[in-house]
Amino acid sequence: MPDTPALIRLNKYIAQCGVASRRGADELVFDGKVTVNGTVADSPGLKVDPDSDKVTVNGKAIGLPGKGRDVTILLHKPVETVTTASDPQGRRTVLDLLPKDLRDLRPFPVGRLDFFSEGLLLLTTDGDLCYRLTHPKFHLPKVYRVTVRGSVPDSAVKTMRQGMTLREGDKLAPAKVLVNKPVAGTQQFEITLIQGINRQIRRMCDELGLTILRLTRISQGPISLGNLKHGQFRELNEKEVLALKKAVKLA
């Protein structure tokens, strides 16, 4: 007899809730860390009803995004993608990269990455968290990996580390800069920013005579891009969300 449409496998439900991958969900069940309606689950293939069954993992109730809880997503934004919910020019937006069920929750991009930049971008339905993450008072350090044509002069590295004033008058705080060895006519460096100046790295490099070939954000506060490939995304787990909230002093 076919399963009731509302019922899904327990491991799939746990994965959809953003707690773990399906394999990780299997392990949680086998370790006795999952209960369904107060009873310890004995099989990851157990069928559950998301609308009526109470599922807990490590003693904490879980639920699907939009079912009484917020969702925060880590996306690897590709180049030539707009960091907005919609675009009047019809260009691809970061929301276009998400499946319909997540788009319907209307997660909001946290800050921006310009059209030709890539890497870590957070989206969230948590208004308080989004506000804190974008407010200058709670600005978290962001790390970028920059690849430029040719090599990076020592004088440019010194200027970035000491702080500089842009032509338009924006004063930039000293940045942490780590430079790698040149490779095949290019050189890569990592730079940590603690300000939210618009297109800061591109403007810095332009004034320092550096031609950017690739610009990737690899971390924001306690969250790192990891091995996510271009266009891929995942929901942050509870531990990561708590770390973000702690970083911006959100209880």
Protein backbone atom coordinates (compact mmCIF):
# COMPACT_ATOMS: atom_id res chain seq x y z
CA MET A 1 0.00 0.00 0.00
CA PRO A 2 1.47 3.44 -0.86
CA ASP A 3 2.50 5.76 1.96
CA THR A 4 0.18 8.55 3.00
CA PRO A 5 1.43 11.64 1.08
CA ALA A 6 1.90 13.60 4.32
CA LEU A 7 4.31 11.03 5.74
CA ILE A 8 8.05 11.17 5.06
CA ARG A 9 11.03 9.16 6.25
CA LEU A 10 12.48 10.29 9.55
CA ASN A 11 15.99 10.81 8.20
CA LYS A 12 14.67 12.93 5.34
CA TYR A 13 12.61 15.01 7.78
CA ILE A 14 15.66 15.61 10.02
CA ALA A 15 17.68 16.67 6.97
CA GLN A 16 14.94 19.02 5.78
CA CYS A 17 14.92 20.62 9.21
CA GLY A 18 18.58 21.52 8.70
CA VAL A 19 19.83 19.47 11.65
CA ALA A 20 22.09 17.10 9.71
CA SER A 21 22.57 15.39 6.36
CA ARG A 22 20.60 12.20 5.74
CA ARG A 23 23.64 10.12 6.65
CA GLY A 24 24.13 12.24 9.75
CA ALA A 25 20.43 11.77 10.58
CA ASP A 26 20.87 7.99 10.31
CA GLU A 27 23.69 8.16 12.85
CA LEU A 28 21.63 10.31 15.22
CA VAL A 29 18.84 7.72 15.12
CA PHE A 30 21.18 4.77 15.60
CA ASP A 31 22.79 6.59 18.55
CA GLY A 32 19.38 6.89 20.22
CA LYS A 33 19.36 10.68 20.06
CA VAL A 34 16.04 11.02 18.22
CA THR A 35 12.56 10.66 19.66
CA VAL A 36 9.17 10.69 17.93
CA ASN A 37 6.23 11.60 20.15
CA GLY A 38 8.31 10.81 23.23
CA THR A 39 9.56 7.41 22.06
CA VAL A 40 13.15 6.80 21.02
CA ALA A 41 13.20 6.13 17.28
CA ASP A 42 14.68 2.79 16.24
CA SER A 43 14.87 3.28 12.49
CA PRO A 44 15.76 6.22 10.19
CA GLY A 45 13.13 4.86 7.81
CA LEU A 46 10.31 5.45 10.29
CA LYS A 47 7.51 7.48 8.69
CA VAL A 48 6.54 10.73 10.41
CA ASP A 49 3.93 13.40 9.81
CA PRO A 50 5.60 16.85 9.91
CA ASP A 51 2.29 18.49 10.80
CA SER A 52 1.40 16.36 13.79
CA ASP A 53 4.36 14.32 15.07
CA LYS A 54 6.75 15.82 17.61
CA VAL A 55 10.35 15.00 16.78
CA THR A 56 13.28 15.85 19.04
CA VAL A 57 17.04 15.57 18.47
CA ASN A 58 19.25 15.58 21.54
CA GLY A 59 16.20 16.58 23.56
CA LYS A 60 15.32 19.62 21.42
CA ALA A 61 12.21 19.83 19.25
CA ILE A 62 12.85 20.39 15.54
CA GLY A 63 10.64 21.68 12.75
CA LEU A 64 10.66 22.52 9.07
CA PRO A 65 11.58 26.05 7.95
CA GLY A 66 8.52 28.23 8.19
CA LYS A 67 6.94 25.95 10.80
CA GLY A 68 7.39 28.29 13.75
CA ARG A 69 11.11 28.91 13.34
CA ASP A 70 13.45 31.07 11.26
CA VAL A 71 15.85 29.82 8.64
CA THR A 72 19.36 31.12 7.92
CA ILE A 73 21.05 29.98 4.73
CA LEU A 74 24.69 29.94 3.65
CA LEU A 75 24.98 30.37 -0.12
CA HIS A 76 28.05 30.29 -2.37
CA LYS A 77 27.12 33.20 -4.61
CA PRO A 78 28.49 32.82 -8.13
CA VAL A 79 29.65 35.73 -10.28
CA GLU A 80 27.13 37.54 -12.48
CA THR A 81 24.42 37.10 -9.85
CA VAL A 82 22.61 40.01 -8.22
CA THR A 83 22.38 40.17 -4.42
CA THR A 84 18.73 41.24 -4.34
CA ALA A 85 15.35 39.57 -4.15
CA SER A 86 14.44 40.77 -7.67
CA ASP A 87 16.11 42.64 -10.50
CA PRO A 88 14.38 45.06 -12.91
CA GLN A 89 16.95 44.16 -15.60
CA GLY A 90 15.99 40.50 -15.41
CA ARG A 91 19.38 39.29 -14.24
CA ARG A 92 19.75 36.18 -12.10
CA THR A 93 19.35 36.89 -8.37
CA VAL A 94 20.57 34.95 -5.37
CA LEU A 95 16.99 33.89 -4.62
CA ASP A 96 16.80 32.26 -8.06
CA LEU A 97 19.41 29.78 -6.80
CA LEU A 98 17.12 28.52 -4.03
CA PRO A 99 14.33 25.94 -4.38
CA LYS A 100 10.75 27.20 -4.31
CA ASP A 101 10.05 26.07 -0.74
CA LEU A 102 12.89 28.26 0.54
CA ARG A 103 12.09 31.18 -1.78
CA ASP A 104 8.54 31.13 -0.46
CA LEU A 105 9.90 31.84 3.02
CA ARG A 106 11.33 35.10 1.66
CA PRO A 107 14.82 34.98 3.19
CA PHE A 108 16.57 38.34 2.94
CA PRO A 109 20.19 38.70 1.77
CA VAL A 110 22.47 39.84 4.58
CA GLY A 111 24.53 42.63 3.06
CA ARG A 112 25.79 42.46 -0.51
CA LEU A 113 28.37 40.98 -2.82
CA ASP A 114 28.81 42.87 -6.07
CA PHE A 115 27.88 41.40 -9.45
CA PHE A 116 31.34 40.09 -10.30
CA SER A 117 32.28 38.91 -6.79
CA GLU A 118 31.55 35.46 -5.41
CA GLY A 119 31.59 33.47 -2.21
CA LEU A 120 29.86 33.46 1.15
CA LEU A 121 26.48 35.12 1.37
CA LEU A 122 24.02 34.69 4.22
CA LEU A 123 20.24 34.90 3.76
CA THR A 124 17.83 34.80 6.68
CA THR A 125 14.18 35.15 7.66
CA ASP A 126 15.29 36.33 11.13
CA GLY A 127 14.80 40.09 11.03
CA ASP A 128 16.65 40.78 14.28
CA LEU A 129 19.67 38.76 13.17
CA CYS A 130 19.73 40.43 9.75
CA TYR A 131 19.58 43.88 11.37
CA ARG A 132 22.47 43.12 13.71
CA LEU A 133 24.61 41.57 10.98
CA THR A 134 24.22 44.65 8.76
CA HIS A 135 24.48 47.33 11.47
CA PRO A 136 27.89 49.08 11.66
CA LYS A 137 27.91 48.71 15.45
CA PHE A 138 27.95 44.91 15.16
CA HIS A 139 29.98 44.59 11.96
CA LEU A 140 31.71 41.21 11.90
CA PRO A 141 35.14 40.68 10.32
CA LYS A 142 34.88 39.40 6.75
CA VAL A 143 37.71 37.57 5.02
CA TYR A 144 38.20 37.74 1.25
CA ARG A 145 40.52 35.80 -1.05
CA VAL A 146 41.76 38.06 -3.83
CA THR A 147 43.61 36.99 -6.98
CA VAL A 148 45.34 39.75 -8.95
CA ARG A 149 47.30 39.90 -12.20
CA GLY A 150 51.06 40.04 -11.73
CA SER A 151 52.33 40.46 -8.18
CA VAL A 152 51.41 42.52 -5.14
CA PRO A 153 54.10 45.11 -4.31
CA ASP A 154 55.30 45.30 -0.72
CA SER A 155 54.30 48.96 -0.72
CA ALA A 156 50.67 48.02 -1.49
CA VAL A 157 50.60 45.46 1.29
CA LYS A 158 52.04 48.04 3.71
CA THR A 159 49.41 50.60 2.70
CA MET A 160 46.54 48.14 3.22
CA ARG A 161 47.93 47.12 6.60
CA GLN A 162 48.39 50.72 7.74
CA GLY A 163 45.02 51.96 6.51
CA MET A 164 44.37 54.35 3.64
CA THR A 165 42.08 57.13 2.50
CA LEU A 166 40.27 56.63 -0.81
CA ARG A 167 39.97 59.37 -3.44
CA GLU A 168 36.36 60.01 -2.46
CA GLY A 169 37.49 60.64 1.12
CA ASP A 170 36.52 57.33 2.75
CA LYS A 171 38.99 56.51 5.50
CA LEU A 172 39.80 52.81 5.72
CA ALA A 173 40.89 51.07 8.89
CA PRO A 174 44.05 48.95 8.85
CA ALA A 175 43.38 45.52 7.32
CA LYS A 176 44.98 42.18 8.04
CA VAL A 177 46.66 40.98 4.84
CA LEU A 178 48.25 37.57 4.19
CA VAL A 179 50.08 37.22 0.86
CA ASN A 180 50.73 33.92 -0.93
CA LYS A 181 53.56 33.20 -3.36
CA PRO A 182 53.03 34.23 -7.02
CA VAL A 183 51.74 31.51 -9.34
CA ALA A 184 51.74 31.63 -13.16
CA GLY A 185 51.66 35.39 -13.48
CA THR A 186 49.15 35.94 -10.68
CA GLN A 187 49.27 36.39 -6.93
CA GLN A 188 46.70 35.72 -4.26
CA PHE A 189 46.19 37.36 -0.90
CA GLU A 190 43.65 37.19 1.89
CA ILE A 191 42.36 40.38 3.45
CA THR A 192 40.20 40.82 6.55
CA LEU A 193 37.85 43.80 6.61
CA ILE A 194 36.16 45.26 9.67
CA GLN A 195 34.24 47.99 7.82
CA GLY A 196 31.27 48.01 5.51
CA ILE A 197 32.49 50.44 2.85
CA ASN A 198 30.83 49.82 -0.54
CA ARG A 199 33.07 47.87 -2.97
CA GLN A 200 35.97 48.49 -0.61
CA ILE A 201 38.46 45.90 -1.92
CA ARG A 202 37.90 46.81 -5.57
CA ARG A 203 38.38 50.50 -4.81
CA MET A 204 41.49 49.79 -2.75
CA CYS A 205 43.04 47.67 -5.48
CA ASP A 206 42.17 50.21 -8.16
CA GLU A 207 44.01 52.95 -6.29
CA LEU A 208 46.97 50.66 -5.60
CA GLY A 209 47.26 49.69 -9.26
CA LEU A 210 46.18 46.08 -8.75
CA THR A 211 43.98 44.31 -11.33
CA ILE A 212 41.56 41.89 -9.68
CA LEU A 213 40.97 38.62 -11.50
CA ARG A 214 38.88 36.95 -8.81
CA LEU A 215 37.33 38.12 -5.55
CA THR A 216 35.82 35.58 -3.15
CA ARG A 217 34.41 36.09 0.35
CA ILE A 218 35.41 33.06 2.40
CA SER A 219 34.16 33.89 5.89
CA GLN A 220 31.97 36.22 7.92
CA GLY A 221 32.43 36.19 11.67
CA PRO A 222 32.23 32.56 12.87
CA ILE A 223 30.81 31.26 9.55
CA SER A 224 33.08 29.94 6.78
CA LEU A 225 32.30 29.06 3.17
CA GLY A 226 33.93 25.64 3.50
CA ASN A 227 33.60 23.30 0.52
CA LEU A 228 30.36 24.71 -0.89
CA LYS A 229 30.60 24.93 -4.67
CA HIS A 230 29.35 27.82 -6.81
CA GLY A 231 25.58 28.11 -6.57
CA GLN A 232 25.29 25.57 -3.74
CA PHE A 233 23.67 26.38 -0.41
CA ARG A 234 22.90 24.83 2.95
CA GLU A 235 20.94 25.83 6.02
CA LEU A 236 23.04 26.79 9.03
CA ASN A 237 22.65 24.37 11.91
CA GLU A 238 21.58 25.43 15.37
CA LYS A 239 25.15 25.68 16.66
CA GLU A 240 26.15 27.98 13.80
CA VAL A 241 23.11 30.22 14.26
CA LEU A 242 23.82 30.51 17.98
CA ALA A 243 27.45 31.41 17.19
CA LEU A 244 26.27 34.15 14.83
CA LYS A 245 23.83 35.52 17.39
CA LYS A 246 26.51 35.50 20.08
CA ALA A 247 28.90 37.35 17.76
CA VAL A 248 26.39 40.20 17.33
CA LYS A 249 25.31 40.14 20.99
CA LEU A 250 21.84 38.84 20.22
CA ALA A 251 20.61 36.73 23.14
